[in-house]
Amino acid sequence: MRYLEDYTVGQVFKHWPGRTITEFDNTWFTLMTLNTNPLHFDAAYAAKSQHGKCLVNGLLVLSTVVGMSVKDISESAIANLEYESAKHTGPTFAGDTLYSETTVLEITPSKTKSDRGVLYVETRGLNQNGEVILRLKRKVLLPRRPK
């Protein structure tokens, strides 16, 4: 279990392992979440788009990248407080392998409850070529080490 005191500003975590996204993953997630944009599941339609093939659902990319960070960042969280400025900086396609890394930006002990504090981080999703395809910042409420 990690506590707020176990982090330092500037610390970088390279989350492991990566995750290869399959067509099944993309179709299942897209249909499960009722996303009706045909760019995610209609190959004939997507073939006429700027990318020429189906795109992986952006929320699947976000969920996977954040999920990879849980063991290092939020496994002991009291709460996820905020997802901020999520930006898709490149496309993801079936067959791409996603990787994730996180940098600690700020650590703020609570002023009202001495047993907790906020960890502010930036997480980046990268593809198998090392290209950043997603950036997001988030705040996680973590416990402090018991005294």
N, C-alpha and C. Protein backbone atom coordinates (compact mmCIF):
# COMPACT_ATOMS: atom_id res chain seq x y z
N MET A 1 0.85 -1.18 0.00
CA MET A 1 0.00 0.00 0.00
C MET A 1 0.89 1.24 0.00
N ARG A 2 0.59 2.17 -0.87
CA ARG A 2 1.33 3.44 -0.92
C ARG A 2 0.54 4.52 -0.21
N TYR A 3 1.28 5.36 0.51
CA TYR A 3 0.71 6.51 1.19
C TYR A 3 1.18 7.78 0.50
N LEU A 4 0.54 8.90 0.82
CA LEU A 4 0.90 10.18 0.24
C LEU A 4 2.39 10.46 0.38
N GLU A 5 2.95 10.10 1.52
CA GLU A 5 4.37 10.36 1.78
C GLU A 5 5.31 9.53 0.92
N ASP A 6 4.81 8.55 0.23
CA ASP A 6 5.64 7.69 -0.61
C ASP A 6 5.92 8.30 -2.00
N TYR A 7 5.36 9.47 -2.26
CA TYR A 7 5.52 10.13 -3.55
C TYR A 7 6.37 11.38 -3.41
N THR A 8 7.07 11.74 -4.48
CA THR A 8 7.82 12.99 -4.53
C THR A 8 7.52 13.70 -5.85
N VAL A 9 7.49 15.01 -5.80
CA VAL A 9 7.24 15.80 -7.01
C VAL A 9 8.36 15.50 -8.02
N GLY A 10 7.95 15.25 -9.25
CA GLY A 10 8.88 14.93 -10.33
C GLY A 10 9.10 13.43 -10.51
N GLN A 11 8.65 12.64 -9.58
CA GLN A 11 8.79 11.18 -9.67
C GLN A 11 8.03 10.67 -10.89
N VAL A 12 8.64 9.75 -11.63
CA VAL A 12 8.02 9.19 -12.83
C VAL A 12 7.84 7.68 -12.65
N PHE A 13 6.65 7.21 -12.96
CA PHE A 13 6.34 5.78 -12.93
C PHE A 13 6.10 5.32 -14.36
N LYS A 14 6.78 4.28 -14.77
CA LYS A 14 6.53 3.64 -16.07
C LYS A 14 5.73 2.38 -15.76
N HIS A 15 4.45 2.42 -16.08
CA HIS A 15 3.54 1.34 -15.70
C HIS A 15 3.72 0.14 -16.64
N TRP A 16 3.62 -1.04 -16.08
CA TRP A 16 3.86 -2.27 -16.81
C TRP A 16 2.84 -3.31 -16.38
N PRO A 17 2.36 -4.14 -17.26
CA PRO A 17 2.73 -4.30 -18.66
C PRO A 17 1.89 -3.40 -19.56
N GLY A 18 2.21 -3.41 -20.84
CA GLY A 18 1.40 -2.74 -21.84
C GLY A 18 0.16 -3.58 -22.14
N ARG A 19 -0.69 -3.05 -23.00
CA ARG A 19 -1.92 -3.77 -23.38
C ARG A 19 -2.19 -3.57 -24.86
N THR A 20 -2.22 -4.68 -25.60
CA THR A 20 -2.57 -4.62 -27.02
C THR A 20 -4.09 -4.61 -27.14
N ILE A 21 -4.60 -3.63 -27.86
CA ILE A 21 -6.05 -3.48 -28.04
C ILE A 21 -6.47 -4.24 -29.30
N THR A 22 -7.44 -5.11 -29.16
CA THR A 22 -7.93 -5.92 -30.28
C THR A 22 -9.21 -5.31 -30.86
N GLU A 23 -9.58 -5.78 -32.04
CA GLU A 23 -10.86 -5.36 -32.62
C GLU A 23 -12.01 -5.73 -31.68
N PHE A 24 -11.92 -6.91 -31.09
CA PHE A 24 -12.98 -7.34 -30.16
C PHE A 24 -13.10 -6.36 -29.00
N ASP A 25 -11.96 -5.98 -28.39
CA ASP A 25 -11.98 -5.02 -27.28
C ASP A 25 -12.73 -3.75 -27.69
N ASN A 26 -12.36 -3.22 -28.84
CA ASN A 26 -12.93 -1.96 -29.31
C ASN A 26 -14.42 -2.09 -29.59
N THR A 27 -14.82 -3.14 -30.30
CA THR A 27 -16.24 -3.33 -30.63
C THR A 27 -17.06 -3.56 -29.36
N TRP A 28 -16.57 -4.41 -28.50
CA TRP A 28 -17.29 -4.72 -27.26
C TRP A 28 -17.46 -3.47 -26.41
N PHE A 29 -16.39 -2.72 -26.18
CA PHE A 29 -16.45 -1.52 -25.36
C PHE A 29 -17.39 -0.49 -26.00
N THR A 30 -17.28 -0.29 -27.30
CA THR A 30 -18.10 0.68 -28.00
C THR A 30 -19.58 0.33 -27.89
N LEU A 31 -19.92 -0.92 -28.10
CA LEU A 31 -21.33 -1.32 -28.02
C LEU A 31 -21.82 -1.35 -26.57
N MET A 32 -20.96 -1.77 -25.65
CA MET A 32 -21.35 -1.81 -24.24
C MET A 32 -21.67 -0.41 -23.72
N THR A 33 -20.96 0.60 -24.21
CA THR A 33 -21.18 1.97 -23.73
C THR A 33 -22.16 2.75 -24.60
N LEU A 34 -22.79 2.07 -25.54
CA LEU A 34 -23.81 2.64 -26.42
C LEU A 34 -23.29 3.80 -27.27
N ASN A 35 -22.02 3.74 -27.62
CA ASN A 35 -21.44 4.75 -28.51
C ASN A 35 -21.79 4.36 -29.94
N THR A 36 -22.57 5.17 -30.58
CA THR A 36 -23.07 4.81 -31.92
C THR A 36 -22.25 5.43 -33.06
N ASN A 37 -21.10 6.01 -32.76
CA ASN A 37 -20.28 6.58 -33.83
C ASN A 37 -19.71 5.44 -34.67
N PRO A 38 -20.06 5.38 -35.97
CA PRO A 38 -19.63 4.26 -36.81
C PRO A 38 -18.12 4.21 -37.05
N LEU A 39 -17.39 5.26 -36.70
CA LEU A 39 -15.92 5.22 -36.84
C LEU A 39 -15.29 4.12 -35.99
N HIS A 40 -16.03 3.66 -34.97
CA HIS A 40 -15.50 2.66 -34.06
C HIS A 40 -15.84 1.22 -34.41
N PHE A 41 -16.87 1.01 -35.26
CA PHE A 41 -17.28 -0.38 -35.49
C PHE A 41 -17.77 -0.69 -36.90
N ASP A 42 -17.79 0.28 -37.79
CA ASP A 42 -18.25 0.06 -39.17
C ASP A 42 -17.06 0.26 -40.10
N ALA A 43 -16.43 -0.85 -40.49
CA ALA A 43 -15.19 -0.78 -41.28
C ALA A 43 -15.41 -0.10 -42.64
N ALA A 44 -16.57 -0.32 -43.27
CA ALA A 44 -16.84 0.30 -44.58
C ALA A 44 -16.95 1.82 -44.42
N TYR A 45 -17.63 2.25 -43.39
CA TYR A 45 -17.76 3.69 -43.11
C TYR A 45 -16.39 4.29 -42.77
N ALA A 46 -15.66 3.63 -41.87
CA ALA A 46 -14.36 4.14 -41.43
C ALA A 46 -13.35 4.17 -42.56
N ALA A 47 -13.49 3.28 -43.55
CA ALA A 47 -12.56 3.27 -44.69
C ALA A 47 -12.61 4.58 -45.46
N LYS A 48 -13.72 5.29 -45.37
CA LYS A 48 -13.88 6.57 -46.08
C LYS A 48 -13.43 7.76 -45.22
N SER A 49 -12.99 7.49 -44.00
CA SER A 49 -12.57 8.57 -43.09
C SER A 49 -11.10 8.94 -43.34
N GLN A 50 -10.62 9.95 -42.66
CA GLN A 50 -9.23 10.40 -42.85
C GLN A 50 -8.22 9.34 -42.47
N HIS A 51 -8.59 8.40 -41.59
CA HIS A 51 -7.65 7.36 -41.17
C HIS A 51 -7.76 6.08 -41.99
N GLY A 52 -8.87 5.92 -42.71
CA GLY A 52 -9.03 4.78 -43.58
C GLY A 52 -9.37 3.47 -42.90
N LYS A 53 -9.57 3.51 -41.60
CA LYS A 53 -9.95 2.30 -40.85
C LYS A 53 -10.55 2.72 -39.52
N CYS A 54 -11.12 1.74 -38.82
CA CYS A 54 -11.77 2.01 -37.55
C CYS A 54 -10.79 2.54 -36.51
N LEU A 55 -11.24 3.52 -35.76
CA LEU A 55 -10.49 4.06 -34.62
C LEU A 55 -10.92 3.33 -33.35
N VAL A 56 -10.00 3.15 -32.44
CA VAL A 56 -10.36 2.63 -31.12
C VAL A 56 -11.08 3.74 -30.37
N ASN A 57 -12.16 3.38 -29.71
CA ASN A 57 -12.95 4.28 -28.90
C ASN A 57 -12.03 5.02 -27.91
N GLY A 58 -12.11 6.35 -27.92
CA GLY A 58 -11.24 7.17 -27.07
C GLY A 58 -11.40 6.90 -25.59
N LEU A 59 -12.61 6.54 -25.16
CA LEU A 59 -12.80 6.25 -23.74
C LEU A 59 -12.19 4.91 -23.35
N LEU A 60 -12.10 3.98 -24.30
CA LEU A 60 -11.38 2.74 -24.04
C LEU A 60 -9.89 3.03 -23.86
N VAL A 61 -9.36 3.91 -24.70
CA VAL A 61 -7.95 4.31 -24.58
C VAL A 61 -7.72 4.95 -23.21
N LEU A 62 -8.56 5.91 -22.84
CA LEU A 62 -8.43 6.59 -21.56
C LEU A 62 -8.54 5.60 -20.40
N SER A 63 -9.53 4.73 -20.44
CA SER A 63 -9.72 3.75 -19.36
C SER A 63 -8.54 2.81 -19.23
N THR A 64 -7.99 2.38 -20.35
CA THR A 64 -6.86 1.46 -20.33
C THR A 64 -5.61 2.15 -19.78
N VAL A 65 -5.35 3.35 -20.25
CA VAL A 65 -4.16 4.09 -19.80
C VAL A 65 -4.25 4.37 -18.30
N VAL A 66 -5.40 4.83 -17.83
CA VAL A 66 -5.57 5.08 -16.40
C VAL A 66 -5.51 3.77 -15.62
N GLY A 67 -6.14 2.74 -16.15
CA GLY A 67 -6.13 1.44 -15.47
C GLY A 67 -4.72 0.91 -15.25
N MET A 68 -3.85 1.12 -16.23
CA MET A 68 -2.46 0.67 -16.09
C MET A 68 -1.75 1.39 -14.95
N SER A 69 -2.21 2.59 -14.61
CA SER A 69 -1.54 3.38 -13.58
C SER A 69 -2.01 3.07 -12.16
N VAL A 70 -3.08 2.32 -12.02
CA VAL A 70 -3.70 2.12 -10.71
C VAL A 70 -2.72 1.52 -9.70
N LYS A 71 -2.00 0.49 -10.06
CA LYS A 71 -1.11 -0.17 -9.10
C LYS A 71 -0.11 0.82 -8.49
N ASP A 72 0.42 1.74 -9.31
CA ASP A 72 1.43 2.68 -8.84
C ASP A 72 0.84 3.96 -8.25
N ILE A 73 -0.33 4.37 -8.69
CA ILE A 73 -0.85 5.70 -8.34
C ILE A 73 -2.06 5.66 -7.42
N SER A 74 -3.07 4.89 -7.73
CA SER A 74 -4.34 5.04 -7.00
C SER A 74 -4.90 3.77 -6.39
N GLU A 75 -4.09 2.74 -6.28
CA GLU A 75 -4.59 1.49 -5.71
C GLU A 75 -5.08 1.67 -4.26
N SER A 76 -4.46 2.56 -3.52
CA SER A 76 -4.88 2.80 -2.14
C SER A 76 -5.72 4.06 -1.99
N ALA A 77 -6.24 4.59 -3.09
CA ALA A 77 -6.98 5.85 -3.08
C ALA A 77 -8.23 5.78 -2.21
N ILE A 78 -8.49 6.88 -1.55
CA ILE A 78 -9.77 7.08 -0.86
C ILE A 78 -10.81 7.45 -1.92
N ALA A 79 -10.38 8.26 -2.89
CA ALA A 79 -11.28 8.68 -3.98
C ALA A 79 -10.46 9.24 -5.14
N ASN A 80 -10.97 9.05 -6.34
CA ASN A 80 -10.48 9.79 -7.50
C ASN A 80 -11.29 11.07 -7.50
N LEU A 81 -10.61 12.21 -7.39
CA LEU A 81 -11.30 13.48 -7.23
C LEU A 81 -11.61 14.18 -8.55
N GLU A 82 -10.69 14.06 -9.51
CA GLU A 82 -10.85 14.86 -10.72
C GLU A 82 -10.03 14.27 -11.86
N TYR A 83 -10.63 14.23 -13.03
CA TYR A 83 -9.92 13.95 -14.27
C TYR A 83 -9.92 15.28 -15.02
N GLU A 84 -8.74 15.75 -15.35
CA GLU A 84 -8.60 17.09 -15.91
C GLU A 84 -7.89 17.03 -17.26
N SER A 85 -8.28 17.84 -18.16
CA SER A 85 -7.61 18.09 -19.44
C SER A 85 -7.14 16.83 -20.17
N ALA A 86 -8.02 15.88 -20.33
CA ALA A 86 -7.67 14.70 -21.13
C ALA A 86 -7.62 15.10 -22.59
N LYS A 87 -6.47 14.85 -23.24
CA LYS A 87 -6.29 15.23 -24.64
C LYS A 87 -5.79 14.04 -25.44
N HIS A 88 -6.54 13.70 -26.47
CA HIS A 88 -6.10 12.66 -27.40
C HIS A 88 -5.16 13.34 -28.40
N THR A 89 -3.91 12.93 -28.41
CA THR A 89 -2.91 13.57 -29.25
C THR A 89 -2.53 12.73 -30.47
N GLY A 90 -3.15 11.58 -30.60
CA GLY A 90 -2.91 10.72 -31.74
C GLY A 90 -3.93 9.60 -31.77
N PRO A 91 -4.14 8.98 -32.92
CA PRO A 91 -5.14 7.91 -33.04
C PRO A 91 -4.63 6.59 -32.47
N THR A 92 -5.58 5.73 -32.12
CA THR A 92 -5.27 4.36 -31.71
C THR A 92 -6.11 3.44 -32.58
N PHE A 93 -5.47 2.37 -33.07
CA PHE A 93 -6.14 1.40 -33.93
C PHE A 93 -6.05 0.02 -33.32
N ALA A 94 -6.96 -0.87 -33.70
CA ALA A 94 -6.88 -2.27 -33.26
C ALA A 94 -5.50 -2.80 -33.65
N GLY A 95 -4.88 -3.50 -32.73
CA GLY A 95 -3.53 -4.02 -32.95
C GLY A 95 -2.45 -3.16 -32.32
N ASP A 96 -2.79 -1.92 -31.95
CA ASP A 96 -1.82 -1.07 -31.26
C ASP A 96 -1.66 -1.55 -29.82
N THR A 97 -0.46 -1.39 -29.30
CA THR A 97 -0.18 -1.71 -27.90
C THR A 97 -0.01 -0.41 -27.15
N LEU A 98 -0.77 -0.27 -26.07
CA LEU A 98 -0.72 0.93 -25.25
C LEU A 98 0.22 0.73 -24.06
N TYR A 99 0.94 1.78 -23.72
CA TYR A 99 1.78 1.84 -22.54
C TYR A 99 1.40 3.11 -21.78
N SER A 100 1.77 3.19 -20.52
CA SER A 100 1.37 4.31 -19.70
C SER A 100 2.51 4.71 -18.78
N GLU A 101 2.65 6.03 -18.58
CA GLU A 101 3.62 6.53 -17.60
C GLU A 101 3.04 7.76 -16.93
N THR A 102 3.43 7.95 -15.68
CA THR A 102 2.86 9.02 -14.87
C THR A 102 3.95 9.80 -14.17
N THR A 103 3.79 11.13 -14.15
CA THR A 103 4.69 12.02 -13.43
C THR A 103 3.91 12.69 -12.30
N VAL A 104 4.49 12.70 -11.10
CA VAL A 104 3.89 13.38 -9.96
C VAL A 104 4.13 14.88 -10.12
N LEU A 105 3.05 15.67 -10.13
CA LEU A 105 3.15 17.11 -10.31
C LEU A 105 3.11 17.88 -8.99
N GLU A 106 2.29 17.40 -8.06
CA GLU A 106 2.08 18.16 -6.83
C GLU A 106 1.55 17.22 -5.75
N ILE A 107 1.92 17.50 -4.52
CA ILE A 107 1.45 16.74 -3.36
C ILE A 107 0.95 17.74 -2.34
N THR A 108 -0.33 17.63 -1.95
CA THR A 108 -0.93 18.60 -1.05
C THR A 108 -1.61 17.90 0.13
N PRO A 109 -1.00 17.94 1.31
CA PRO A 109 -1.68 17.40 2.49
C PRO A 109 -2.96 18.19 2.76
N SER A 110 -3.98 17.49 3.22
CA SER A 110 -5.25 18.14 3.54
C SER A 110 -5.06 19.12 4.69
N LYS A 111 -5.75 20.25 4.61
CA LYS A 111 -5.70 21.23 5.69
C LYS A 111 -6.75 20.95 6.75
N THR A 112 -7.74 20.13 6.42
CA THR A 112 -8.84 19.87 7.35
C THR A 112 -8.83 18.47 7.94
N LYS A 113 -8.20 17.51 7.24
CA LYS A 113 -8.15 16.13 7.74
C LYS A 113 -6.71 15.64 7.64
N SER A 114 -6.08 15.43 8.76
CA SER A 114 -4.65 15.12 8.80
C SER A 114 -4.30 13.72 8.30
N ASP A 115 -5.31 12.89 8.03
CA ASP A 115 -5.05 11.51 7.61
C ASP A 115 -5.03 11.33 6.09
N ARG A 116 -5.04 12.44 5.33
CA ARG A 116 -5.13 12.32 3.87
C ARG A 116 -4.53 13.53 3.16
N GLY A 117 -4.45 13.40 1.83
CA GLY A 117 -3.96 14.50 1.01
C GLY A 117 -4.18 14.20 -0.46
N VAL A 118 -3.89 15.17 -1.30
CA VAL A 118 -4.17 15.06 -2.73
C VAL A 118 -2.87 14.90 -3.51
N LEU A 119 -2.86 13.89 -4.36
CA LEU A 119 -1.76 13.64 -5.29
C LEU A 119 -2.24 14.10 -6.67
N TYR A 120 -1.49 15.02 -7.28
CA TYR A 120 -1.82 15.57 -8.59
C TYR A 120 -0.79 15.03 -9.57
N VAL A 121 -1.25 14.35 -10.62
CA VAL A 121 -0.35 13.68 -11.55
C VAL A 121 -0.74 13.95 -13.00
N GLU A 122 0.24 13.75 -13.88
CA GLU A 122 -0.04 13.73 -15.32
C GLU A 122 0.30 12.34 -15.81
N THR A 123 -0.65 11.72 -16.50
CA THR A 123 -0.44 10.39 -17.07
C THR A 123 -0.44 10.52 -18.59
N ARG A 124 0.50 9.83 -19.21
CA ARG A 124 0.61 9.82 -20.66
C ARG A 124 0.41 8.40 -21.16
N GLY A 125 -0.37 8.27 -22.23
CA GLY A 125 -0.53 7.00 -22.92
C GLY A 125 0.34 7.04 -24.16
N LEU A 126 1.08 5.98 -24.39
CA LEU A 126 1.96 5.89 -25.56
C LEU A 126 1.61 4.64 -26.34
N ASN A 127 1.85 4.68 -27.65
CA ASN A 127 1.65 3.47 -28.45
C ASN A 127 2.97 2.71 -28.56
N GLN A 128 2.96 1.64 -29.30
CA GLN A 128 4.12 0.76 -29.43
C GLN A 128 5.31 1.45 -30.08
N ASN A 129 5.08 2.58 -30.74
CA ASN A 129 6.17 3.34 -31.37
C ASN A 129 6.71 4.44 -30.46
N GLY A 130 6.19 4.51 -29.23
CA GLY A 130 6.63 5.53 -28.29
C GLY A 130 5.98 6.89 -28.50
N GLU A 131 4.96 6.94 -29.37
CA GLU A 131 4.25 8.19 -29.64
C GLU A 131 3.20 8.43 -28.56
N VAL A 132 3.16 9.64 -28.02
CA VAL A 132 2.15 9.97 -27.01
C VAL A 132 0.81 10.11 -27.72
N ILE A 133 -0.16 9.32 -27.29
CA ILE A 133 -1.48 9.36 -27.93
C ILE A 133 -2.56 9.91 -26.98
N LEU A 134 -2.18 10.10 -25.71
CA LEU A 134 -3.13 10.63 -24.72
C LEU A 134 -2.35 11.28 -23.59
N ARG A 135 -2.84 12.43 -23.13
CA ARG A 135 -2.30 13.10 -21.94
C ARG A 135 -3.48 13.47 -21.06
N LEU A 136 -3.35 13.21 -19.78
CA LEU A 136 -4.38 13.66 -18.88
C LEU A 136 -3.79 13.94 -17.51
N LYS A 137 -4.41 14.86 -16.82
CA LYS A 137 -4.03 15.17 -15.45
C LYS A 137 -5.18 14.73 -14.57
N ARG A 138 -4.83 14.28 -13.36
CA ARG A 138 -5.89 13.89 -12.42
C ARG A 138 -5.43 14.10 -11.00
N LYS A 139 -6.41 14.18 -10.11
CA LYS A 139 -6.16 14.34 -8.68
C LYS A 139 -6.76 13.15 -7.96
N VAL A 140 -5.93 12.60 -7.06
CA VAL A 140 -6.32 11.42 -6.31
C VAL A 140 -6.18 11.71 -4.83
N LEU A 141 -7.21 11.38 -4.06
CA LEU A 141 -7.16 11.54 -2.60
C LEU A 141 -6.58 10.27 -2.01
N LEU A 142 -5.42 10.43 -1.35
CA LEU A 142 -4.70 9.29 -0.78
C LEU A 142 -4.61 9.40 0.73
N PRO A 143 -4.52 8.25 1.42
CA PRO A 143 -4.30 8.30 2.87
C PRO A 143 -2.85 8.68 3.17
N ARG A 144 -2.66 9.31 4.33
CA ARG A 144 -1.30 9.57 4.81
C ARG A 144 -0.89 8.41 5.70
N ARG A 145 0.40 8.23 5.85
CA ARG A 145 0.94 7.15 6.66
C ARG A 145 0.46 7.32 8.11
N PRO A 146 -0.12 6.28 8.69
CA PRO A 146 -0.57 6.38 10.09
C PRO A 146 0.60 6.67 11.04
N LYS A 147 0.34 7.48 12.02
CA LYS A 147 1.38 7.85 13.00
C LYS A 147 1.39 6.94 14.20
